[in-house]
PDB file of N, CA and C in Angstrom:
ATOM      1  N   UNK A   1     152.615 309.098 123.515  1.00  0.00           N
ATOM      2  CA  UNK A   1     152.389 307.900 124.283  1.00  0.00           C
ATOM      3  C   UNK A   1     150.921 307.515 124.161  1.00  0.00           C
ATOM      4  N   UNK A   2     150.651 306.247 124.036  1.00  0.00           N
ATOM      5  CA  UNK A   2     149.294 305.770 123.812  1.00  0.00           C
ATOM      6  C   UNK A   2     148.727 305.254 125.124  1.00  0.00           C
ATOM      7  N   UNK A   3     148.209 306.166 125.941  1.00  0.00           N
ATOM      8  CA  UNK A   3     147.574 305.749 127.185  1.00  0.00           C
ATOM      9  C   UNK A   3     146.124 305.388 126.900  1.00  0.00           C
ATOM     10  N   UNK A   4     145.494 304.745 127.830  1.00  0.00           N
ATOM     11  CA  UNK A   4     144.138 304.265 127.619  1.00  0.00           C
ATOM     12  C   UNK A   4     143.169 305.419 127.361  1.00  0.00           C
ATOM     13  N   UNK A   5     143.343 306.517 128.085  1.00  0.00           N
ATOM     14  CA  UNK A   5     142.412 307.639 127.932  1.00  0.00           C
ATOM     15  C   UNK A   5     142.594 308.343 126.589  1.00  0.00           C
ATOM     16  N   UNK A   6     143.807 308.347 126.060  1.00  0.00           N
ATOM     17  CA  UNK A   6     144.035 308.990 124.762  1.00  0.00           C
ATOM     18  C   UNK A   6     143.642 308.080 123.615  1.00  0.00           C
ATOM     19  N   UNK A   7     143.768 306.784 123.803  1.00  0.00           N
ATOM     20  CA  UNK A   7     143.543 305.858 122.703  1.00  0.00           C
ATOM     21  C   UNK A   7     142.069 305.561 122.490  1.00  0.00           C
ATOM     22  N   UNK A   8     141.315 305.380 123.569  1.00  0.00           N
ATOM     23  CA  UNK A   8     139.920 304.970 123.454  1.00  0.00           C
ATOM     24  C   UNK A   8     139.019 306.187 123.312  1.00  0.00           C
ATOM     25  N   UNK A   9     138.181 306.157 122.289  1.00  0.00           N
ATOM     26  CA  UNK A   9     137.245 307.240 122.036  1.00  0.00           C
ATOM     27  C   UNK A   9     135.851 306.654 121.839  1.00  0.00           C
ATOM     28  N   UNK A  10     134.846 307.299 122.423  1.00  0.00           N
ATOM     29  CA  UNK A  10     133.470 306.902 122.183  1.00  0.00           C
ATOM     30  C   UNK A  10     132.977 307.630 120.939  1.00  0.00           C
ATOM     31  N   UNK A  11     132.509 306.869 119.962  1.00  0.00           N
ATOM     32  CA  UNK A  11     132.068 307.425 118.687  1.00  0.00           C
ATOM     33  C   UNK A  11     130.624 307.010 118.467  1.00  0.00           C
ATOM     34  N   UNK A  12     129.786 307.980 118.096  1.00  0.00           N
ATOM     35  CA  UNK A  12     128.387 307.652 117.816  1.00  0.00           C
ATOM     36  C   UNK A  12     128.276 307.129 116.391  1.00  0.00           C
ATOM     37  N   UNK A  13     127.768 305.928 116.267  1.00  0.00           N
ATOM     38  CA  UNK A  13     127.657 305.280 114.954  1.00  0.00           C
ATOM     39  C   UNK A  13     126.395 305.774 114.237  1.00  0.00           C
ATOM     40  N   UNK A  14     126.293 305.537 112.931  1.00  0.00           N
ATOM     41  CA  UNK A  14     125.089 305.957 112.207  1.00  0.00           C
ATOM     42  C   UNK A  14     123.803 305.324 112.758  1.00  0.00           C
ATOM     43  N   UNK A  15     123.924 304.176 113.408  1.00  0.00           N
ATOM     44  CA  UNK A  15     122.754 303.528 114.004  1.00  0.00           C
ATOM     45  C   UNK A  15     122.292 304.172 115.290  1.00  0.00           C
ATOM     46  N   UNK A  16     123.075 305.103 115.817  1.00  0.00           N
ATOM     47  CA  UNK A  16     122.684 305.841 117.010  1.00  0.00           C
ATOM     48  C   UNK A  16     123.292 305.330 118.299  1.00  0.00           C
ATOM     49  N   UNK A  17     124.048 304.243 118.253  1.00  0.00           N
ATOM     50  CA  UNK A  17     124.639 303.741 119.494  1.00  0.00           C
ATOM     51  C   UNK A  17     126.091 304.206 119.612  1.00  0.00           C
ATOM     52  N   UNK A  18     126.612 304.167 120.825  1.00  0.00           N
ATOM     53  CA  UNK A  18     127.989 304.556 121.072  1.00  0.00           C
ATOM     54  C   UNK A  18     128.885 303.335 120.950  1.00  0.00           C
ATOM     55  N   UNK A  19     129.953 303.472 120.190  1.00  0.00           N
ATOM     56  CA  UNK A  19     130.914 302.386 120.025  1.00  0.00           C
ATOM     57  C   UNK A  19     132.281 302.887 120.455  1.00  0.00           C
ATOM     58  N   UNK A  20     133.089 301.994 120.988  1.00  0.00           N
ATOM     59  CA  UNK A  20     134.428 302.338 121.428  1.00  0.00           C
ATOM     60  C   UNK A  20     135.393 302.168 120.260  1.00  0.00           C
ATOM     61  N   UNK A  21     136.009 303.264 119.828  1.00  0.00           N
ATOM     62  CA  UNK A  21     137.002 303.207 118.763  1.00  0.00           C
ATOM     63  C   UNK A  21     138.361 303.475 119.367  1.00  0.00           C
ATOM     64  N   UNK A  22     139.350 302.750 118.883  1.00  0.00           N
ATOM     65  CA  UNK A  22     140.714 302.932 119.358  1.00  0.00           C
ATOM     66  C   UNK A  22     141.453 303.769 118.342  1.00  0.00           C
ATOM     67  N   UNK A  23     141.966 304.903 118.776  1.00  0.00           N
ATOM     68  CA  UNK A  23     142.644 305.833 117.887  1.00  0.00           C
ATOM     69  C   UNK A  23     144.135 305.536 117.880  1.00  0.00           C
ATOM     70  N   UNK A  24     144.744 305.576 116.698  1.00  0.00           N
ATOM     71  CA  UNK A  24     146.178 305.345 116.585  1.00  0.00           C
ATOM     72  C   UNK A  24     146.891 306.684 116.501  1.00  0.00           C
ATOM     73  N   UNK A  25     147.990 306.791 117.228  1.00  0.00           N
ATOM     74  CA  UNK A  25     148.792 308.000 117.211  1.00  0.00           C
ATOM     75  C   UNK A  25     150.098 307.690 116.507  1.00  0.00           C
ATOM     76  N   UNK A  26     150.430 308.478 115.524  1.00  0.00           N
ATOM     77  CA  UNK A  26     151.659 308.272 114.782  1.00  0.00           C
ATOM     78  C   UNK A  26     152.642 309.395 115.098  1.00  0.00           C
ATOM     79  N   UNK A  27     153.898 309.090 114.906  1.00  0.00           N
ATOM     80  CA  UNK A  27     154.948 310.055 115.155  1.00  0.00           C
ATOM     81  C   UNK A  27     154.843 311.185 114.147  1.00  0.00           C
ATOM     82  N   UNK A  28     155.052 312.405 114.584  1.00  0.00           N
ATOM     83  CA  UNK A  28     155.016 313.555 113.691  1.00  0.00           C
ATOM     84  C   UNK A  28     156.213 313.502 112.739  1.00  0.00           C
ATOM     85  N   UNK A  29     156.065 314.108 111.581  1.00  0.00           N
ATOM     86  CA  UNK A  29     157.147 314.157 110.605  1.00  0.00           C
ATOM     87  C   UNK A  29     158.262 315.012 111.185  1.00  0.00           C
ATOM     88  N   UNK A  30     159.495 314.546 111.093  1.00  0.00           N
ATOM     89  CA  UNK A  30     160.610 315.285 111.670  1.00  0.00           C
ATOM     90  C   UNK A  30     160.886 316.535 110.853  1.00  0.00           C
ATOM     91  N   UNK A  31     161.184 317.613 111.554  1.00  0.00           N
ATOM     92  CA  UNK A  31     161.454 318.896 110.909  1.00  0.00           C
ATOM     93  C   UNK A  31     162.806 319.418 111.355  1.00  0.00           C
ATOM     94  N   UNK A  32     163.370 320.287 110.542  1.00  0.00           N
ATOM     95  CA  UNK A  32     164.655 320.916 110.847  1.00  0.00           C
ATOM     96  C   UNK A  32     164.468 321.875 112.015  1.00  0.00           C
ATOM     97  N   UNK A  33     165.377 321.846 112.977  1.00  0.00           N
ATOM     98  CA  UNK A  33     165.274 322.690 114.154  1.00  0.00           C
ATOM     99  C   UNK A  33     165.558 324.155 113.826  1.00  0.00           C
ATOM    100  N   UNK A  34     166.299 324.415 112.768  1.00  0.00           N
ATOM    101  CA  UNK A  34     166.677 325.795 112.443  1.00  0.00           C
ATOM    102  C   UNK A  34     165.731 326.451 111.447  1.00  0.00           C
ATOM    103  N   UNK A  35     165.295 325.714 110.426  1.00  0.00           N
ATOM    104  CA  UNK A  35     164.460 326.315 109.386  1.00  0.00           C
ATOM    105  C   UNK A  35     163.016 325.850 109.432  1.00  0.00           C
ATOM    106  N   UNK A  36     162.736 324.726 110.064  1.00  0.00           N
ATOM    107  CA  UNK A  36     161.383 324.216 110.128  1.00  0.00           C
ATOM    108  C   UNK A  36     160.964 323.409 108.912  1.00  0.00           C
ATOM    109  N   UNK A  37     161.879 323.191 107.962  1.00  0.00           N
ATOM    110  CA  UNK A  37     161.548 322.407 106.778  1.00  0.00           C
ATOM    111  C   UNK A  37     161.520 320.920 107.130  1.00  0.00           C
ATOM    112  N   UNK A  38     160.856 320.143 106.292  1.00  0.00           N
ATOM    113  CA  UNK A  38     160.710 318.711 106.539  1.00  0.00           C
ATOM    114  C   UNK A  38     162.034 318.001 106.293  1.00  0.00           C
ATOM    115  N   UNK A  39     162.402 317.097 107.227  1.00  0.00           N
ATOM    116  CA  UNK A  39     163.642 316.341 107.087  1.00  0.00           C
ATOM    117  C   UNK A  39     163.392 315.101 106.246  1.00  0.00           C
ATOM    118  N   UNK A  40     164.391 314.687 105.502  1.00  0.00           N
ATOM    119  CA  UNK A  40     164.299 313.483 104.687  1.00  0.00           C
ATOM    120  C   UNK A  40     165.145 312.387 105.318  1.00  0.00           C
ATOM    121  N   UNK A  41     164.640 311.829 106.426  1.00  0.00           N
ATOM    122  CA  UNK A  41     165.336 310.753 107.115  1.00  0.00           C
ATOM    123  C   UNK A  41     164.891 309.423 106.520  1.00  0.00           C
ATOM    124  N   UNK A  42     165.712 308.378 106.624  1.00  0.00           N
ATOM    125  CA  UNK A  42     165.303 307.079 106.083  1.00  0.00           C
ATOM    126  C   UNK A  42     164.110 306.509 106.844  1.00  0.00           C
ATOM    127  N   UNK A  43     163.401 305.564 106.218  1.00  0.00           N
ATOM    128  CA  UNK A  43     162.225 304.984 106.849  1.00  0.00           C
ATOM    129  C   UNK A  43     162.584 304.250 108.132  1.00  0.00           C
ATOM    130  N   UNK A  44     163.801 303.727 108.227  1.00  0.00           N
ATOM    131  CA  UNK A  44     164.219 303.030 109.438  1.00  0.00           C
ATOM    132  C   UNK A  44     164.225 303.971 110.637  1.00  0.00           C
ATOM    133  N   UNK A  45     164.306 305.270 110.399  1.00  0.00           N
ATOM    134  CA  UNK A  45     164.401 306.219 111.493  1.00  0.00           C
ATOM    135  C   UNK A  45     163.063 306.425 112.179  1.00  0.00           C
ATOM    136  N   UNK A  46     161.983 306.005 111.532  1.00  0.00           N
ATOM    137  CA  UNK A  46     160.672 306.241 112.112  1.00  0.00           C
ATOM    138  C   UNK A  46     160.420 305.295 113.272  1.00  0.00           C
ATOM    139  N   UNK A  47     159.534 305.725 114.156  1.00  0.00           N
ATOM    140  CA  UNK A  47     159.245 304.973 115.371  1.00  0.00           C
ATOM    141  C   UNK A  47     158.675 303.608 115.022  1.00  0.00           C
ATOM    142  N   UNK A  48     159.158 302.575 115.698  1.00  0.00           N
ATOM    143  CA  UNK A  48     158.638 301.236 115.509  1.00  0.00           C
ATOM    144  C   UNK A  48     159.242 300.499 114.338  1.00  0.00           C
ATOM    145  N   UNK A  49     160.156 301.107 113.610  1.00  0.00           N
ATOM    146  CA  UNK A  49     160.776 300.449 112.469  1.00  0.00           C
ATOM    147  C   UNK A  49     162.209 300.091 112.827  1.00  0.00           C
ATOM    148  N   UNK A  50     162.572 298.855 112.652  1.00  0.00           N
ATOM    149  CA  UNK A  50     163.943 298.406 112.840  1.00  0.00           C
ATOM    150  C   UNK A  50     164.487 298.825 114.207  1.00  0.00           C
ATOM    151  N   UNK A  51     163.891 298.296 115.255  1.00  0.00           N
ATOM    152  CA  UNK A  51     164.250 298.708 116.615  1.00  0.00           C
ATOM    153  C   UNK A  51     165.676 298.318 116.999  1.00  0.00           C
ATOM    154  N   UNK A  52     166.207 297.276 116.384  1.00  0.00           N
ATOM    155  CA  UNK A  52     167.553 296.828 116.762  1.00  0.00           C
ATOM    156  C   UNK A  52     168.639 297.756 116.235  1.00  0.00           C
ATOM    157  N   UNK A  53     168.351 298.514 115.186  1.00  0.00           N
ATOM    158  CA  UNK A  53     169.354 299.416 114.627  1.00  0.00           C
ATOM    159  C   UNK A  53     169.584 300.582 115.585  1.00  0.00           C
ATOM    160  N   UNK A  54     170.826 301.007 115.685  1.00  0.00           N
ATOM    161  CA  UNK A  54     171.146 302.101 116.589  1.00  0.00           C
ATOM    162  C   UNK A  54     170.632 303.411 116.013  1.00  0.00           C
ATOM    163  N   UNK A  55     170.448 304.371 116.889  1.00  0.00           N
ATOM    164  CA  UNK A  55     169.940 305.673 116.444  1.00  0.00           C
ATOM    165  C   UNK A  55     170.939 306.367 115.529  1.00  0.00           C
ATOM    166  N   UNK A  56     172.235 306.187 115.806  1.00  0.00           N
ATOM    167  CA  UNK A  56     173.251 306.836 114.981  1.00  0.00           C
ATOM    168  C   UNK A  56     173.273 306.286 113.564  1.00  0.00           C
ATOM    169  N   UNK A  57     172.851 305.028 113.393  1.00  0.00           N
ATOM    170  CA  UNK A  57     172.838 304.460 112.047  1.00  0.00           C
ATOM    171  C   UNK A  57     171.648 304.959 111.236  1.00  0.00           C
ATOM    172  N   UNK A  58     170.665 305.569 111.904  1.00  0.00           N
ATOM    173  CA  UNK A  58     169.485 306.074 111.217  1.00  0.00           C
ATOM    174  C   UNK A  58     169.576 307.562 110.925  1.00  0.00           C
ATOM    175  N   UNK A  59     170.655 308.189 111.334  1.00  0.00           N
ATOM    176  CA  UNK A  59     170.825 309.630 111.143  1.00  0.00           C
ATOM    177  C   UNK A  59     172.057 309.886 110.283  1.00  0.00           C
ATOM    178  N   UNK A  60     172.102 311.008 109.573  1.00  0.00           N
ATOM    179  CA  UNK A  60     173.310 311.345 108.811  1.00  0.00           C
ATOM    180  C   UNK A  60     174.495 311.514 109.756  1.00  0.00           C
ATOM    181  N   UNK A  61     175.639 311.013 109.360  1.00  0.00           N
ATOM    182  CA  UNK A  61     176.819 311.034 110.205  1.00  0.00           C
ATOM    183  C   UNK A  61     177.618 312.304 109.933  1.00  0.00           C
ATOM    184  N   UNK A  62     177.115 313.412 110.466  1.00  0.00           N
ATOM    185  CA  UNK A  62     177.776 314.710 110.320  1.00  0.00           C
ATOM    186  C   UNK A  62     177.319 315.588 111.479  1.00  0.00           C
ATOM    187  N   UNK A  63     177.987 316.721 111.695  1.00  0.00           N
ATOM    188  CA  UNK A  63     177.518 317.631 112.745  1.00  0.00           C
ATOM    189  C   UNK A  63     176.082 318.075 112.466  1.00  0.00           C
ATOM    190  N   UNK A  64     175.259 318.147 113.496  1.00  0.00           N
ATOM    191  CA  UNK A  64     173.834 318.494 113.413  1.00  0.00           C
ATOM    192  C   UNK A  64     173.053 317.458 112.606  1.00  0.00           C
ATOM    193  N   UNK A  65     173.581 316.247 112.434  1.00  0.00           N
ATOM    194  CA  UNK A  65     172.910 315.213 111.647  1.00  0.00           C
ATOM    195  C   UNK A  65     171.626 314.754 112.302  1.00  0.00           C
ATOM    196  N   UNK A  66     170.522 314.786 111.572  1.00  0.00           N
ATOM    197  CA  UNK A  66     169.229 314.388 112.080  1.00  0.00           C
ATOM    198  C   UNK A  66     168.516 315.479 112.834  1.00  0.00           C
ATOM    199  N   UNK A  67     169.170 316.624 113.041  1.00  0.00           N
ATOM    200  CA  UNK A  67     168.552 317.743 113.744  1.00  0.00           C
ATOM    201  C   UNK A  67     168.310 318.895 112.783  1.00  0.00           C
ATOM    202  N   UNK A  68     169.328 319.207 111.980  1.00  0.00           N
ATOM    203  CA  UNK A  68     169.233 320.312 111.027  1.00  0.00           C
ATOM    204  C   UNK A  68     169.330 319.768 109.603  1.00  0.00           C
ATOM    205  N   UNK A  69     168.643 320.440 108.678  1.00  0.00           N
ATOM    206  CA  UNK A  69     168.718 320.054 107.271  1.00  0.00           C
ATOM    207  C   UNK A  69     170.132 320.324 106.758  1.00  0.00           C
ATOM    208  N   UNK A  70     170.543 319.691 105.664  1.00  0.00           N
ATOM    209  CA  UNK A  70     171.911 319.873 105.172  1.00  0.00           C
ATOM    210  C   UNK A  70     172.272 321.336 104.897  1.00  0.00           C
ATOM    211  N   UNK A  71     171.360 322.092 104.289  1.00  0.00           N
ATOM    212  CA  UNK A  71     171.672 323.493 103.985  1.00  0.00           C
ATOM    213  C   UNK A  71     171.775 324.325 105.264  1.00  0.00           C
ATOM    214  N   UNK A  72     170.897 324.060 106.226  1.00  0.00           N
ATOM    215  CA  UNK A  72     170.953 324.796 107.485  1.00  0.00           C
ATOM    216  C   UNK A  72     172.194 324.411 108.283  1.00  0.00           C
ATOM    217  N   UNK A  73     172.573 323.135 108.247  1.00  0.00           N
ATOM    218  CA  UNK A  73     173.777 322.692 108.951  1.00  0.00           C
ATOM    219  C   UNK A  73     175.013 323.346 108.346  1.00  0.00           C
ATOM    220  N   UNK A  74     175.050 323.444 107.021  1.00  0.00           N
ATOM    221  CA  UNK A  74     176.179 324.084 106.353  1.00  0.00           C
ATOM    222  C   UNK A  74     176.302 325.550 106.771  1.00  0.00           C
ATOM    223  N   UNK A  75     175.160 326.253 106.787  1.00  0.00           N
ATOM    224  CA  UNK A  75     175.173 327.666 107.201  1.00  0.00           C
ATOM    225  C   UNK A  75     175.651 327.822 108.633  1.00  0.00           C
ATOM    226  N   UNK A  76     175.206 326.927 109.514  1.00  0.00           N
ATOM    227  CA  UNK A  76     175.584 327.004 110.923  1.00  0.00           C
ATOM    228  C   UNK A  76     177.071 326.721 111.114  1.00  0.00           C
ATOM    229  N   UNK A  77     177.595 325.728 110.400  1.00  0.00           N
ATOM    230  CA  UNK A  77     179.022 325.393 110.505  1.00  0.00           C
ATOM    231  C   UNK A  77     179.873 326.552 110.009  1.00  0.00           C
ATOM    232  N   UNK A  78     179.473 327.166 108.894  1.00  0.00           N
ATOM    233  CA  UNK A  78     180.217 328.318 108.360  1.00  0.00           C
ATOM    234  C   UNK A  78     180.151 329.489 109.333  1.00  0.00           C
ATOM    235  N   UNK A  79     178.992 329.711 109.942  1.00  0.00           N
ATOM    236  CA  UNK A  79     178.835 330.816 110.884  1.00  0.00           C
ATOM    237  C   UNK A  79     179.727 330.635 112.107  1.00  0.00           C
ATOM    238  N   UNK A  80     179.779 329.407 112.637  1.00  0.00           N
ATOM    239  CA  UNK A  80     180.620 329.119 113.814  1.00  0.00           C
ATOM    240  C   UNK A  80     182.099 329.255 113.446  1.00  0.00           C
ATOM    241  N   UNK A  81     182.486 328.762 112.257  1.00  0.00           N
ATOM    242  CA  UNK A  81     183.878 328.846 111.837  1.00  0.00           C
ATOM    243  C   UNK A  81     184.313 330.296 111.651  1.00  0.00           C
ATOM    244  N   UNK A  82     183.433 331.122 111.117  1.00  0.00           N
ATOM    245  CA  UNK A  82     183.787 332.546 110.940  1.00  0.00           C
ATOM    246  C   UNK A  82     183.882 333.261 112.269  1.00  0.00           C
ATOM    247  N   UNK A  83     183.070 332.842 113.252  1.00  0.00           N
ATOM    248  CA  UNK A  83     183.125 333.484 114.560  1.00  0.00           C
ATOM    249  C   UNK A  83     184.407 333.092 115.295  1.00  0.00           C
ATOM    250  N   UNK A  84     184.894 331.858 115.077  1.00  0.00           N
ATOM    251  CA  UNK A  84     186.113 331.408 115.765  1.00  0.00           C
ATOM    252  C   UNK A  84     187.370 331.974 115.120  1.00  0.00           C
ATOM    253  N   UNK A  85     187.336 332.171 113.800  1.00  0.00           N
ATOM    254  CA  UNK A  85     188.521 332.680 113.070  1.00  0.00           C
ATOM    255  C   UNK A  85     188.182 334.018 112.423  1.00  0.00           C
ATOM    256  N   UNK A  86     188.267 335.119 113.156  1.00  0.00           N
ATOM    257  CA  UNK A  86     187.917 336.437 112.592  1.00  0.00           C
ATOM    258  C   UNK A  86     188.946 336.942 111.604  1.00  0.00           C
TER     259      UNK A  86
END
C-alpha cells in the first residue's frame, strides 16, 4: 500500500539541499507456494493491469492454479490421489 509516509522520502541532492522524492512500490513477482520458484502468470495478472478482467481469467484454470507451479501442482494432485486410494 502506498501511504504518504512510505511514498515520500527526503533525499539529499548533490547541491546539498533536501528534496522530496516520491518512491514507487511495485508488486513482488509471484512465486510458487510449494517450491518457491517464479510463476509465469500473464501480464494481465499483475496489479493495475486490466482491472475489469476477473481474477479467474488471469490464472490457470486448474487445481492450485495461480498458487502452485504446474510441476508442483501435479506432484500435489498425485500425492492426494495416492493417499485417498491406497
